[in-house]
Amino acid sequence: MRPEEDDPAIELLLGAVPELLPFYRDLAADYEEDLGPNAFFRELAELVSSLLADDEDHEDRLERIFAGIEEVARVPGPDRVEAVAYSFLLSLPDDVLERVSAYLGPASEELLARLSAGDPALDDELGGGAGDDAGR
């Protein structure tokens, strides 16, 4: 199992939303050495989609998750683009993106707008090439 402190984006999100730690640990057990920020944030997108599909009210939990996403999105560097933009936001289906737009903070909204516009500068923030399928 890969320790969370190896992945600054995961560590920051878990620090902001500690209730996600069991979710992380379950994924770490399933993925073993292959759980990095990309896989974790894609799985988090699936969790968000399932929370929205559930009949129960998960508004408070969704608010906390998106507050944590915003924390990661505010940190300059490749983690915000790789984890938040390419792995999380691009993994949300269009109908889910519409439903969660109210939860997005300014940095997350900015990343989504840049993804939607196909901004090639996102790849520059990564060092190039990682988000070749970034257009929505």
N, C-alpha and C. Protein backbone atom coordinates (compact mmCIF):
# COMPACT_ATOMS: atom_id res chain seq x y z
N MET A 1 0.85 -1.18 0.00
CA MET A 1 0.00 0.00 0.00
C MET A 1 0.89 1.24 0.00
N ARG A 2 0.58 2.16 -0.87
CA ARG A 2 1.34 3.39 -0.99
C ARG A 2 0.92 4.36 0.11
N PRO A 3 1.85 4.89 0.89
CA PRO A 3 1.47 5.82 1.96
C PRO A 3 0.97 7.14 1.38
N GLU A 4 -0.09 7.68 2.00
CA GLU A 4 -0.70 8.89 1.46
C GLU A 4 0.25 10.08 1.41
N GLU A 5 1.26 10.11 2.29
CA GLU A 5 2.16 11.26 2.27
C GLU A 5 3.04 11.29 1.03
N ASP A 6 3.06 10.21 0.25
CA ASP A 6 3.78 10.21 -1.02
C ASP A 6 3.06 11.04 -2.07
N ASP A 7 1.80 11.36 -1.85
CA ASP A 7 0.99 12.04 -2.83
C ASP A 7 0.42 13.32 -2.23
N PRO A 8 1.04 14.47 -2.52
CA PRO A 8 0.60 15.72 -1.89
C PRO A 8 -0.88 16.04 -2.14
N ALA A 9 -1.39 15.75 -3.33
CA ALA A 9 -2.80 16.06 -3.61
C ALA A 9 -3.73 15.22 -2.74
N ILE A 10 -3.40 13.95 -2.57
CA ILE A 10 -4.21 13.08 -1.72
C ILE A 10 -4.09 13.51 -0.27
N GLU A 11 -2.88 13.79 0.16
CA GLU A 11 -2.66 14.21 1.54
C GLU A 11 -3.44 15.49 1.85
N LEU A 12 -3.42 16.44 0.95
CA LEU A 12 -4.13 17.70 1.15
C LEU A 12 -5.64 17.46 1.22
N LEU A 13 -6.16 16.64 0.32
CA LEU A 13 -7.59 16.36 0.32
C LEU A 13 -8.01 15.61 1.59
N LEU A 14 -7.24 14.61 1.99
CA LEU A 14 -7.58 13.87 3.21
C LEU A 14 -7.47 14.75 4.45
N GLY A 15 -6.54 15.70 4.43
CA GLY A 15 -6.45 16.63 5.54
C GLY A 15 -7.66 17.54 5.63
N ALA A 16 -8.19 17.91 4.47
CA ALA A 16 -9.35 18.79 4.43
C ALA A 16 -10.66 18.04 4.67
N VAL A 17 -10.68 16.76 4.28
CA VAL A 17 -11.90 15.95 4.40
C VAL A 17 -11.52 14.60 5.03
N PRO A 18 -11.26 14.58 6.35
CA PRO A 18 -10.80 13.35 6.99
C PRO A 18 -11.77 12.18 6.88
N GLU A 19 -13.05 12.46 6.68
CA GLU A 19 -14.02 11.37 6.54
C GLU A 19 -13.77 10.53 5.28
N LEU A 20 -12.91 11.01 4.37
CA LEU A 20 -12.56 10.24 3.17
C LEU A 20 -11.45 9.22 3.43
N LEU A 21 -10.87 9.25 4.62
CA LEU A 21 -9.77 8.33 4.91
C LEU A 21 -10.17 6.86 4.77
N PRO A 22 -11.32 6.41 5.28
CA PRO A 22 -11.70 5.00 5.04
C PRO A 22 -11.87 4.68 3.56
N PHE A 23 -12.41 5.62 2.80
CA PHE A 23 -12.54 5.46 1.34
C PHE A 23 -11.16 5.28 0.73
N TYR A 24 -10.21 6.12 1.13
CA TYR A 24 -8.84 6.02 0.65
C TYR A 24 -8.22 4.67 1.01
N ARG A 25 -8.39 4.25 2.25
CA ARG A 25 -7.78 2.99 2.71
C ARG A 25 -8.36 1.79 1.96
N ASP A 26 -9.66 1.81 1.70
CA ASP A 26 -10.28 0.73 0.92
C ASP A 26 -9.70 0.70 -0.50
N LEU A 27 -9.56 1.87 -1.10
CA LEU A 27 -8.97 1.93 -2.45
C LEU A 27 -7.52 1.48 -2.43
N ALA A 28 -6.78 1.89 -1.41
CA ALA A 28 -5.37 1.51 -1.31
C ALA A 28 -5.23 -0.01 -1.21
N ALA A 29 -6.14 -0.64 -0.50
CA ALA A 29 -6.10 -2.10 -0.39
C ALA A 29 -6.42 -2.74 -1.73
N ASP A 30 -7.37 -2.17 -2.46
CA ASP A 30 -7.76 -2.72 -3.77
C ASP A 30 -6.68 -2.48 -4.83
N TYR A 31 -6.12 -1.29 -4.85
CA TYR A 31 -5.16 -0.91 -5.88
C TYR A 31 -3.73 -1.35 -5.56
N GLU A 32 -3.44 -1.58 -4.30
CA GLU A 32 -2.10 -1.90 -3.83
C GLU A 32 -1.13 -0.79 -4.24
N GLU A 33 -0.08 -1.09 -4.96
CA GLU A 33 0.93 -0.09 -5.33
C GLU A 33 0.47 0.86 -6.43
N ASP A 34 -0.66 0.59 -7.06
CA ASP A 34 -1.09 1.38 -8.20
C ASP A 34 -1.99 2.56 -7.85
N LEU A 35 -2.25 2.80 -6.58
CA LEU A 35 -3.11 3.92 -6.20
C LEU A 35 -2.28 5.18 -6.07
N GLY A 36 -2.42 6.02 -7.04
CA GLY A 36 -1.79 7.34 -7.02
C GLY A 36 -2.89 8.37 -7.11
N PRO A 37 -2.52 9.64 -7.22
CA PRO A 37 -3.54 10.68 -7.25
C PRO A 37 -4.50 10.56 -8.43
N ASN A 38 -4.02 10.13 -9.59
CA ASN A 38 -4.93 10.02 -10.74
C ASN A 38 -6.04 9.02 -10.46
N ALA A 39 -5.68 7.84 -10.01
CA ALA A 39 -6.69 6.81 -9.72
C ALA A 39 -7.59 7.24 -8.57
N PHE A 40 -7.01 7.82 -7.53
CA PHE A 40 -7.80 8.25 -6.38
C PHE A 40 -8.84 9.30 -6.78
N PHE A 41 -8.44 10.30 -7.55
CA PHE A 41 -9.37 11.36 -7.92
C PHE A 41 -10.41 10.87 -8.94
N ARG A 42 -10.05 9.89 -9.78
CA ARG A 42 -11.07 9.28 -10.66
C ARG A 42 -12.09 8.52 -9.82
N GLU A 43 -11.62 7.78 -8.84
CA GLU A 43 -12.53 7.05 -7.95
C GLU A 43 -13.40 8.01 -7.14
N LEU A 44 -12.83 9.14 -6.75
CA LEU A 44 -13.59 10.15 -6.02
C LEU A 44 -14.71 10.71 -6.91
N ALA A 45 -14.45 10.87 -8.18
CA ALA A 45 -15.49 11.32 -9.12
C ALA A 45 -16.63 10.30 -9.17
N GLU A 46 -16.28 9.02 -9.15
CA GLU A 46 -17.33 7.98 -9.12
C GLU A 46 -18.12 8.04 -7.82
N LEU A 47 -17.44 8.29 -6.70
CA LEU A 47 -18.13 8.43 -5.42
C LEU A 47 -19.11 9.61 -5.46
N VAL A 48 -18.66 10.73 -5.96
CA VAL A 48 -19.53 11.91 -6.07
C VAL A 48 -20.74 11.60 -6.93
N SER A 49 -20.52 10.94 -8.06
CA SER A 49 -21.64 10.56 -8.94
C SER A 49 -22.63 9.66 -8.22
N SER A 50 -22.13 8.70 -7.44
CA SER A 50 -23.02 7.79 -6.72
C SER A 50 -23.76 8.50 -5.59
N LEU A 51 -23.10 9.45 -4.93
CA LEU A 51 -23.79 10.22 -3.89
C LEU A 51 -24.94 11.02 -4.49
N LEU A 52 -24.72 11.58 -5.66
CA LEU A 52 -25.78 12.35 -6.32
C LEU A 52 -26.92 11.45 -6.80
N ALA A 53 -26.62 10.22 -7.16
CA ALA A 53 -27.64 9.30 -7.64
C ALA A 53 -28.45 8.69 -6.50
N ASP A 54 -27.88 8.72 -5.30
CA ASP A 54 -28.53 8.15 -4.13
C ASP A 54 -29.73 9.00 -3.73
N ASP A 55 -30.76 8.37 -3.21
CA ASP A 55 -31.95 9.08 -2.77
C ASP A 55 -31.75 9.86 -1.48
N GLU A 56 -30.73 9.51 -0.72
CA GLU A 56 -30.47 10.21 0.54
C GLU A 56 -29.87 11.58 0.28
N ASP A 57 -29.98 12.45 1.27
CA ASP A 57 -29.42 13.79 1.18
C ASP A 57 -27.95 13.74 1.59
N HIS A 58 -27.07 14.04 0.65
CA HIS A 58 -25.63 14.03 0.90
C HIS A 58 -25.02 15.42 0.72
N GLU A 59 -25.85 16.45 0.81
CA GLU A 59 -25.38 17.81 0.52
C GLU A 59 -24.20 18.21 1.40
N ASP A 60 -24.27 17.95 2.70
CA ASP A 60 -23.16 18.33 3.59
C ASP A 60 -21.88 17.61 3.20
N ARG A 61 -21.98 16.34 2.91
CA ARG A 61 -20.79 15.57 2.52
C ARG A 61 -20.23 16.08 1.20
N LEU A 62 -21.11 16.36 0.24
CA LEU A 62 -20.65 16.89 -1.04
C LEU A 62 -19.98 18.24 -0.86
N GLU A 63 -20.53 19.08 -0.01
CA GLU A 63 -19.91 20.38 0.25
C GLU A 63 -18.50 20.21 0.81
N ARG A 64 -18.33 19.26 1.73
CA ARG A 64 -16.99 19.03 2.31
C ARG A 64 -16.03 18.47 1.25
N ILE A 65 -16.51 17.56 0.42
CA ILE A 65 -15.65 16.99 -0.63
C ILE A 65 -15.20 18.10 -1.58
N PHE A 66 -16.15 18.93 -2.01
CA PHE A 66 -15.77 19.98 -2.96
C PHE A 66 -14.93 21.08 -2.32
N ALA A 67 -15.08 21.28 -1.03
CA ALA A 67 -14.19 22.21 -0.32
C ALA A 67 -12.77 21.65 -0.33
N GLY A 68 -12.64 20.34 -0.16
CA GLY A 68 -11.33 19.70 -0.24
C GLY A 68 -10.75 19.76 -1.64
N ILE A 69 -11.58 19.53 -2.64
CA ILE A 69 -11.14 19.64 -4.04
C ILE A 69 -10.62 21.06 -4.30
N GLU A 70 -11.33 22.04 -3.76
CA GLU A 70 -10.91 23.43 -3.94
C GLU A 70 -9.55 23.68 -3.29
N GLU A 71 -9.30 23.06 -2.13
CA GLU A 71 -7.99 23.21 -1.49
C GLU A 71 -6.88 22.72 -2.43
N VAL A 72 -7.09 21.58 -3.06
CA VAL A 72 -6.09 21.05 -3.99
C VAL A 72 -5.97 21.95 -5.21
N ALA A 73 -7.10 22.43 -5.71
CA ALA A 73 -7.11 23.27 -6.92
C ALA A 73 -6.40 24.60 -6.71
N ARG A 74 -6.33 25.07 -5.47
CA ARG A 74 -5.68 26.36 -5.18
C ARG A 74 -4.17 26.28 -5.14
N VAL A 75 -3.62 25.10 -4.99
CA VAL A 75 -2.16 24.96 -4.86
C VAL A 75 -1.52 25.00 -6.25
N PRO A 76 -0.64 25.97 -6.49
CA PRO A 76 0.00 26.04 -7.80
C PRO A 76 0.83 24.79 -8.07
N GLY A 77 0.87 24.41 -9.33
CA GLY A 77 1.69 23.28 -9.71
C GLY A 77 0.92 22.20 -10.41
N PRO A 78 1.59 21.13 -10.74
CA PRO A 78 0.97 20.09 -11.55
C PRO A 78 -0.13 19.30 -10.85
N ASP A 79 -0.12 19.20 -9.52
CA ASP A 79 -1.15 18.42 -8.83
C ASP A 79 -2.54 18.96 -9.10
N ARG A 80 -2.68 20.29 -9.13
CA ARG A 80 -4.01 20.86 -9.34
C ARG A 80 -4.55 20.50 -10.71
N VAL A 81 -3.68 20.49 -11.71
CA VAL A 81 -4.13 20.18 -13.06
C VAL A 81 -4.34 18.68 -13.20
N GLU A 82 -3.36 17.90 -12.80
CA GLU A 82 -3.43 16.45 -12.96
C GLU A 82 -4.57 15.84 -12.15
N ALA A 83 -4.62 16.15 -10.86
CA ALA A 83 -5.60 15.54 -9.97
C ALA A 83 -6.99 16.14 -10.14
N VAL A 84 -7.09 17.46 -10.05
CA VAL A 84 -8.41 18.09 -10.07
C VAL A 84 -8.97 18.17 -11.48
N ALA A 85 -8.20 18.71 -12.41
CA ALA A 85 -8.74 18.91 -13.76
C ALA A 85 -8.87 17.60 -14.52
N TYR A 86 -7.74 16.94 -14.77
CA TYR A 86 -7.75 15.77 -15.63
C TYR A 86 -8.33 14.52 -14.97
N SER A 87 -8.05 14.30 -13.72
CA SER A 87 -8.51 13.06 -13.09
C SER A 87 -9.89 13.18 -12.46
N PHE A 88 -10.21 14.30 -11.82
CA PHE A 88 -11.51 14.44 -11.16
C PHE A 88 -12.56 15.04 -12.08
N LEU A 89 -12.34 16.27 -12.52
CA LEU A 89 -13.38 16.95 -13.30
C LEU A 89 -13.70 16.24 -14.61
N LEU A 90 -12.67 15.76 -15.31
CA LEU A 90 -12.93 15.06 -16.57
C LEU A 90 -13.59 13.70 -16.37
N SER A 91 -13.54 13.18 -15.17
CA SER A 91 -14.18 11.89 -14.88
C SER A 91 -15.65 12.03 -14.51
N LEU A 92 -16.09 13.25 -14.26
CA LEU A 92 -17.50 13.47 -13.93
C LEU A 92 -18.31 13.54 -15.22
N PRO A 93 -19.39 12.76 -15.32
CA PRO A 93 -20.25 12.86 -16.51
C PRO A 93 -20.83 14.27 -16.62
N ASP A 94 -21.17 14.67 -17.83
CA ASP A 94 -21.69 16.03 -18.06
C ASP A 94 -22.89 16.36 -17.18
N ASP A 95 -23.81 15.40 -17.02
CA ASP A 95 -25.00 15.69 -16.20
C ASP A 95 -24.63 15.89 -14.73
N VAL A 96 -23.61 15.19 -14.27
CA VAL A 96 -23.14 15.37 -12.89
C VAL A 96 -22.43 16.72 -12.76
N LEU A 97 -21.63 17.08 -13.75
CA LEU A 97 -20.96 18.39 -13.71
C LEU A 97 -21.97 19.52 -13.58
N GLU A 98 -23.07 19.41 -14.29
CA GLU A 98 -24.11 20.44 -14.19
C GLU A 98 -24.66 20.51 -12.77
N ARG A 99 -24.86 19.35 -12.16
CA ARG A 99 -25.43 19.30 -10.81
C ARG A 99 -24.46 19.78 -9.74
N VAL A 100 -23.18 19.62 -9.96
CA VAL A 100 -22.21 19.99 -8.92
C VAL A 100 -21.63 21.38 -9.13
N SER A 101 -22.02 22.05 -10.17
CA SER A 101 -21.42 23.36 -10.45
C SER A 101 -21.57 24.33 -9.27
N ALA A 102 -22.64 24.21 -8.51
CA ALA A 102 -22.85 25.09 -7.35
C ALA A 102 -21.84 24.81 -6.24
N TYR A 103 -21.26 23.62 -6.23
CA TYR A 103 -20.29 23.26 -5.19
C TYR A 103 -18.86 23.71 -5.53
N LEU A 104 -18.61 24.02 -6.79
CA LEU A 104 -17.25 24.35 -7.22
C LEU A 104 -16.82 25.71 -6.67
N GLY A 105 -15.60 25.76 -6.16
CA GLY A 105 -15.02 27.02 -5.74
C GLY A 105 -14.36 27.72 -6.91
N PRO A 106 -13.84 28.91 -6.72
CA PRO A 106 -13.26 29.69 -7.82
C PRO A 106 -12.12 28.98 -8.57
N ALA A 107 -11.22 28.34 -7.85
CA ALA A 107 -10.10 27.68 -8.53
C ALA A 107 -10.57 26.47 -9.33
N SER A 108 -11.53 25.73 -8.79
CA SER A 108 -12.08 24.58 -9.51
C SER A 108 -12.88 25.03 -10.73
N GLU A 109 -13.66 26.10 -10.56
CA GLU A 109 -14.41 26.66 -11.69
C GLU A 109 -13.47 27.10 -12.81
N GLU A 110 -12.36 27.73 -12.41
CA GLU A 110 -11.39 28.19 -13.40
C GLU A 110 -10.79 27.01 -14.16
N LEU A 111 -10.46 25.94 -13.46
CA LEU A 111 -9.93 24.75 -14.13
C LEU A 111 -10.96 24.14 -15.07
N LEU A 112 -12.21 24.07 -14.64
CA LEU A 112 -13.26 23.53 -15.49
C LEU A 112 -13.45 24.38 -16.74
N ALA A 113 -13.44 25.70 -16.59
CA ALA A 113 -13.59 26.59 -17.74
C ALA A 113 -12.43 26.39 -18.72
N ARG A 114 -11.23 26.24 -18.18
CA ARG A 114 -10.07 26.03 -19.04
C ARG A 114 -10.14 24.67 -19.74
N LEU A 115 -10.63 23.65 -19.05
CA LEU A 115 -10.82 22.35 -19.68
C LEU A 115 -11.83 22.45 -20.81
N SER A 116 -12.94 23.09 -20.51
CA SER A 116 -14.02 23.22 -21.50
C SER A 116 -13.56 23.98 -22.73
N ALA A 117 -12.69 24.94 -22.54
CA ALA A 117 -12.17 25.74 -23.65
C ALA A 117 -11.01 25.04 -24.37
N GLY A 118 -10.55 23.91 -23.82
CA GLY A 118 -9.41 23.21 -24.42
C GLY A 118 -8.12 23.99 -24.30
N ASP A 119 -7.93 24.68 -23.20
CA ASP A 119 -6.76 25.53 -22.97
C ASP A 119 -5.48 24.70 -22.98
N PRO A 120 -4.62 24.88 -23.99
CA PRO A 120 -3.37 24.10 -24.04
C PRO A 120 -2.38 24.46 -22.93
N ALA A 121 -2.58 25.60 -22.28
CA ALA A 121 -1.68 25.99 -21.20
C ALA A 121 -1.79 25.06 -20.00
N LEU A 122 -2.90 24.31 -19.89
CA LEU A 122 -3.01 23.32 -18.81
C LEU A 122 -1.89 22.30 -18.92
N ASP A 123 -1.62 21.86 -20.13
CA ASP A 123 -0.52 20.90 -20.32
C ASP A 123 0.82 21.51 -19.94
N ASP A 124 0.97 22.81 -20.20
CA ASP A 124 2.22 23.48 -19.83
C ASP A 124 2.44 23.45 -18.32
N GLU A 125 1.35 23.54 -17.56
CA GLU A 125 1.47 23.48 -16.10
C GLU A 125 1.94 22.11 -15.63
N LEU A 126 1.68 21.09 -16.45
CA LEU A 126 2.10 19.73 -16.12
C LEU A 126 3.51 19.44 -16.63
N GLY A 127 3.95 20.23 -17.56
CA GLY A 127 5.20 19.91 -18.23
C GLY A 127 4.92 19.31 -19.59
N GLY A 128 3.64 19.36 -20.02
CA GLY A 128 3.27 18.94 -21.37
C GLY A 128 2.68 17.55 -21.44
N GLY A 129 1.73 17.40 -22.34
CA GLY A 129 1.23 16.12 -22.80
C GLY A 129 0.30 15.32 -21.94
N ALA A 130 0.14 15.56 -20.69
CA ALA A 130 -0.62 14.64 -19.85
C ALA A 130 -2.12 14.70 -20.08
N GLY A 131 -2.63 15.77 -20.59
CA GLY A 131 -4.08 15.89 -20.72
C GLY A 131 -4.53 15.95 -22.16
N ASP A 132 -4.03 15.07 -23.00
CA ASP A 132 -4.35 15.12 -24.42
C ASP A 132 -5.82 14.99 -24.72
N ASP A 133 -6.60 14.38 -23.82
CA ASP A 133 -8.03 14.23 -24.04
C ASP A 133 -8.83 15.26 -23.23
N ALA A 134 -8.24 16.41 -23.00
CA ALA A 134 -8.85 17.37 -22.09
C ALA A 134 -10.08 18.07 -22.64
N GLY A 135 -10.32 18.10 -23.92
CA GLY A 135 -11.50 18.80 -24.43
C GLY A 135 -12.78 18.16 -23.99
N ARG A 136 -13.74 18.95 -23.62
CA ARG A 136 -15.06 18.46 -23.22
C ARG A 136 -16.05 18.86 -24.24
